[in-house]
Amino acid sequence: MSPAGGTYLSGTTVTLTATAAAGWHFNRWEGALVGSTNPATLLMDANKAVTAVFVQDQYALGLTVAAKAA
């Protein structure tokens, strides 16, 4: 997530961007941000904590078993 954090003056608007690693995708924000808009903006008017939630990509595998007569 960028920026990684820090201290901001009151009234500053911070743009947060969640970047997923390979095999993962961004799902939602939690804490002082809610929703799934990415990037998202946050007005600094108090101390805040934000969590970016990522979900691992999953793919279905279908298998077929075939019997072969001798």
N, C-alpha and C. Protein backbone atom coordinates (compact mmCIF):
# COMPACT_ATOMS: atom_id res chain seq x y z
N MET A 1 0.87 -1.16 0.00
CA MET A 1 0.00 0.00 0.00
C MET A 1 0.91 1.22 0.00
N SER A 2 0.53 2.19 -0.77
CA SER A 2 1.32 3.42 -0.75
C SER A 2 0.38 4.61 -0.54
N PRO A 3 0.78 5.61 0.20
CA PRO A 3 2.06 5.63 0.91
C PRO A 3 2.04 4.66 2.09
N ALA A 4 3.22 4.38 2.65
CA ALA A 4 3.34 3.41 3.74
C ALA A 4 2.83 3.94 5.07
N GLY A 5 2.57 5.21 5.16
CA GLY A 5 2.11 5.82 6.41
C GLY A 5 2.86 7.10 6.63
N GLY A 6 2.76 7.65 7.81
CA GLY A 6 3.47 8.87 8.11
C GLY A 6 2.62 9.85 8.86
N THR A 7 3.11 11.06 8.96
CA THR A 7 2.43 12.13 9.67
C THR A 7 2.03 13.20 8.66
N TYR A 8 0.79 13.66 8.76
CA TYR A 8 0.26 14.64 7.82
C TYR A 8 -0.37 15.79 8.58
N LEU A 9 -0.31 16.97 8.02
CA LEU A 9 -0.96 18.13 8.60
C LEU A 9 -2.47 17.98 8.53
N SER A 10 -3.16 18.53 9.52
CA SER A 10 -4.62 18.52 9.52
C SER A 10 -5.13 19.16 8.24
N GLY A 11 -6.13 18.52 7.62
CA GLY A 11 -6.71 19.03 6.39
C GLY A 11 -6.08 18.48 5.13
N THR A 12 -4.98 17.73 5.27
CA THR A 12 -4.33 17.13 4.11
C THR A 12 -5.16 15.97 3.58
N THR A 13 -5.29 15.88 2.27
CA THR A 13 -5.94 14.74 1.65
C THR A 13 -4.85 13.79 1.15
N VAL A 14 -4.91 12.55 1.60
CA VAL A 14 -3.92 11.53 1.25
C VAL A 14 -4.58 10.54 0.30
N THR A 15 -3.91 10.23 -0.79
CA THR A 15 -4.40 9.22 -1.73
C THR A 15 -3.70 7.91 -1.42
N LEU A 16 -4.49 6.88 -1.11
CA LEU A 16 -3.96 5.55 -0.81
C LEU A 16 -4.19 4.63 -2.00
N THR A 17 -3.16 3.89 -2.36
CA THR A 17 -3.25 2.94 -3.47
C THR A 17 -2.82 1.57 -2.98
N ALA A 18 -3.68 0.59 -3.15
CA ALA A 18 -3.38 -0.79 -2.77
C ALA A 18 -2.91 -1.53 -4.02
N THR A 19 -1.71 -2.10 -3.95
CA THR A 19 -1.14 -2.83 -5.08
C THR A 19 -0.95 -4.29 -4.69
N ALA A 20 -1.63 -5.17 -5.38
CA ALA A 20 -1.58 -6.59 -5.05
C ALA A 20 -0.33 -7.25 -5.62
N ALA A 21 0.19 -8.22 -4.88
CA ALA A 21 1.29 -9.05 -5.37
C ALA A 21 0.72 -10.06 -6.37
N ALA A 22 1.60 -10.67 -7.15
CA ALA A 22 1.18 -11.68 -8.12
C ALA A 22 0.39 -12.78 -7.41
N GLY A 23 -0.74 -13.16 -8.00
CA GLY A 23 -1.57 -14.22 -7.43
C GLY A 23 -2.58 -13.72 -6.41
N TRP A 24 -2.64 -12.42 -6.21
CA TRP A 24 -3.57 -11.82 -5.26
C TRP A 24 -4.31 -10.66 -5.93
N HIS A 25 -5.46 -10.28 -5.38
CA HIS A 25 -6.15 -9.08 -5.86
C HIS A 25 -6.71 -8.29 -4.67
N PHE A 26 -6.77 -6.98 -4.86
CA PHE A 26 -7.31 -6.10 -3.82
C PHE A 26 -8.80 -6.36 -3.68
N ASN A 27 -9.27 -6.46 -2.41
CA ASN A 27 -10.67 -6.73 -2.15
C ASN A 27 -11.40 -5.53 -1.58
N ARG A 28 -10.83 -4.93 -0.50
CA ARG A 28 -11.54 -3.82 0.15
C ARG A 28 -10.62 -3.12 1.16
N TRP A 29 -11.10 -1.96 1.60
CA TRP A 29 -10.45 -1.22 2.69
C TRP A 29 -11.21 -1.50 3.98
N GLU A 30 -10.49 -1.45 5.10
CA GLU A 30 -11.11 -1.53 6.42
C GLU A 30 -10.51 -0.46 7.32
N GLY A 31 -11.22 -0.11 8.37
CA GLY A 31 -10.74 0.91 9.29
C GLY A 31 -11.31 2.27 8.93
N ALA A 32 -10.44 3.26 8.79
CA ALA A 32 -10.88 4.62 8.49
C ALA A 32 -11.39 4.78 7.06
N LEU A 33 -11.15 3.79 6.21
CA LEU A 33 -11.70 3.76 4.85
C LEU A 33 -12.57 2.53 4.72
N VAL A 34 -13.66 2.63 4.00
CA VAL A 34 -14.49 1.47 3.70
C VAL A 34 -14.78 1.46 2.21
N GLY A 35 -15.09 0.29 1.69
CA GLY A 35 -15.39 0.17 0.27
C GLY A 35 -14.23 -0.43 -0.49
N SER A 36 -14.37 -0.43 -1.80
CA SER A 36 -13.35 -1.07 -2.64
C SER A 36 -12.79 -0.14 -3.71
N THR A 37 -13.04 1.17 -3.57
CA THR A 37 -12.47 2.12 -4.51
C THR A 37 -10.95 2.14 -4.34
N ASN A 38 -10.24 2.01 -5.43
CA ASN A 38 -8.77 1.96 -5.38
C ASN A 38 -8.21 2.64 -6.62
N PRO A 39 -7.47 3.74 -6.46
CA PRO A 39 -7.06 4.35 -5.20
C PRO A 39 -8.21 5.07 -4.51
N ALA A 40 -7.98 5.36 -3.23
CA ALA A 40 -8.99 6.05 -2.42
C ALA A 40 -8.33 7.24 -1.72
N THR A 41 -9.14 8.23 -1.37
CA THR A 41 -8.61 9.40 -0.67
C THR A 41 -9.12 9.44 0.76
N LEU A 42 -8.29 10.01 1.61
CA LEU A 42 -8.59 10.08 3.03
C LEU A 42 -8.23 11.47 3.53
N LEU A 43 -9.18 12.15 4.18
CA LEU A 43 -8.93 13.47 4.74
C LEU A 43 -8.35 13.29 6.14
N MET A 44 -7.19 13.87 6.38
CA MET A 44 -6.54 13.76 7.67
C MET A 44 -7.07 14.85 8.60
N ASP A 45 -8.00 14.45 9.48
CA ASP A 45 -8.55 15.36 10.47
C ASP A 45 -8.43 14.77 11.87
N ALA A 46 -7.73 13.62 11.97
CA ALA A 46 -7.47 12.92 13.23
C ALA A 46 -6.49 11.80 12.92
N ASN A 47 -6.00 11.12 13.97
CA ASN A 47 -5.18 9.92 13.74
C ASN A 47 -6.08 8.86 13.11
N LYS A 48 -5.57 8.15 12.12
CA LYS A 48 -6.39 7.15 11.42
C LYS A 48 -5.56 5.90 11.14
N ALA A 49 -6.24 4.77 11.05
CA ALA A 49 -5.61 3.51 10.68
C ALA A 49 -6.43 2.90 9.55
N VAL A 50 -5.76 2.41 8.54
CA VAL A 50 -6.42 1.81 7.37
C VAL A 50 -5.76 0.47 7.08
N THR A 51 -6.57 -0.51 6.73
CA THR A 51 -6.07 -1.83 6.32
C THR A 51 -6.54 -2.11 4.90
N ALA A 52 -5.61 -2.51 4.05
CA ALA A 52 -5.96 -2.97 2.70
C ALA A 52 -6.09 -4.49 2.76
N VAL A 53 -7.25 -5.01 2.35
CA VAL A 53 -7.51 -6.45 2.40
C VAL A 53 -7.32 -7.02 1.00
N PHE A 54 -6.48 -8.05 0.91
CA PHE A 54 -6.22 -8.74 -0.35
C PHE A 54 -6.72 -10.16 -0.27
N VAL A 55 -7.11 -10.72 -1.40
CA VAL A 55 -7.61 -12.09 -1.48
C VAL A 55 -6.77 -12.84 -2.51
N GLN A 56 -6.41 -14.06 -2.16
CA GLN A 56 -5.61 -14.87 -3.08
C GLN A 56 -6.48 -15.34 -4.24
N ASP A 57 -5.94 -15.21 -5.46
CA ASP A 57 -6.65 -15.69 -6.63
C ASP A 57 -6.79 -17.21 -6.54
N GLN A 58 -7.97 -17.70 -6.89
CA GLN A 58 -8.20 -19.14 -6.87
C GLN A 58 -8.82 -19.55 -8.20
N TYR A 59 -8.44 -20.71 -8.65
CA TYR A 59 -8.94 -21.24 -9.91
C TYR A 59 -9.43 -22.67 -9.69
N ALA A 60 -10.56 -23.00 -10.30
CA ALA A 60 -11.12 -24.35 -10.16
C ALA A 60 -10.41 -25.31 -11.11
N LEU A 61 -10.26 -26.53 -10.68
CA LEU A 61 -9.68 -27.58 -11.51
C LEU A 61 -10.70 -28.70 -11.61
N GLY A 62 -11.16 -28.97 -12.81
CA GLY A 62 -12.08 -30.07 -13.04
C GLY A 62 -11.30 -31.29 -13.53
N LEU A 63 -11.60 -32.45 -12.97
CA LEU A 63 -10.91 -33.68 -13.36
C LEU A 63 -11.91 -34.69 -13.88
N THR A 64 -11.50 -35.43 -14.89
CA THR A 64 -12.30 -36.52 -15.43
C THR A 64 -11.48 -37.79 -15.36
N VAL A 65 -12.08 -38.84 -14.82
CA VAL A 65 -11.40 -40.13 -14.74
C VAL A 65 -12.00 -41.01 -15.83
N ALA A 66 -11.13 -41.53 -16.68
CA ALA A 66 -11.58 -42.39 -17.76
C ALA A 66 -11.03 -43.80 -17.54
N ALA A 67 -11.90 -44.78 -17.63
CA ALA A 67 -11.47 -46.17 -17.48
C ALA A 67 -11.17 -46.70 -18.88
N LYS A 68 -10.06 -47.41 -19.00
CA LYS A 68 -9.68 -47.97 -20.28
C LYS A 68 -9.80 -49.51 -20.22
N ALA A 69 -10.56 -50.07 -21.13
CA ALA A 69 -10.73 -51.53 -21.15
C ALA A 69 -9.45 -52.18 -21.63
N ALA A 70 -9.14 -53.36 -21.04
CA ALA A 70 -7.90 -54.07 -21.42
C ALA A 70 -8.09 -54.88 -22.67
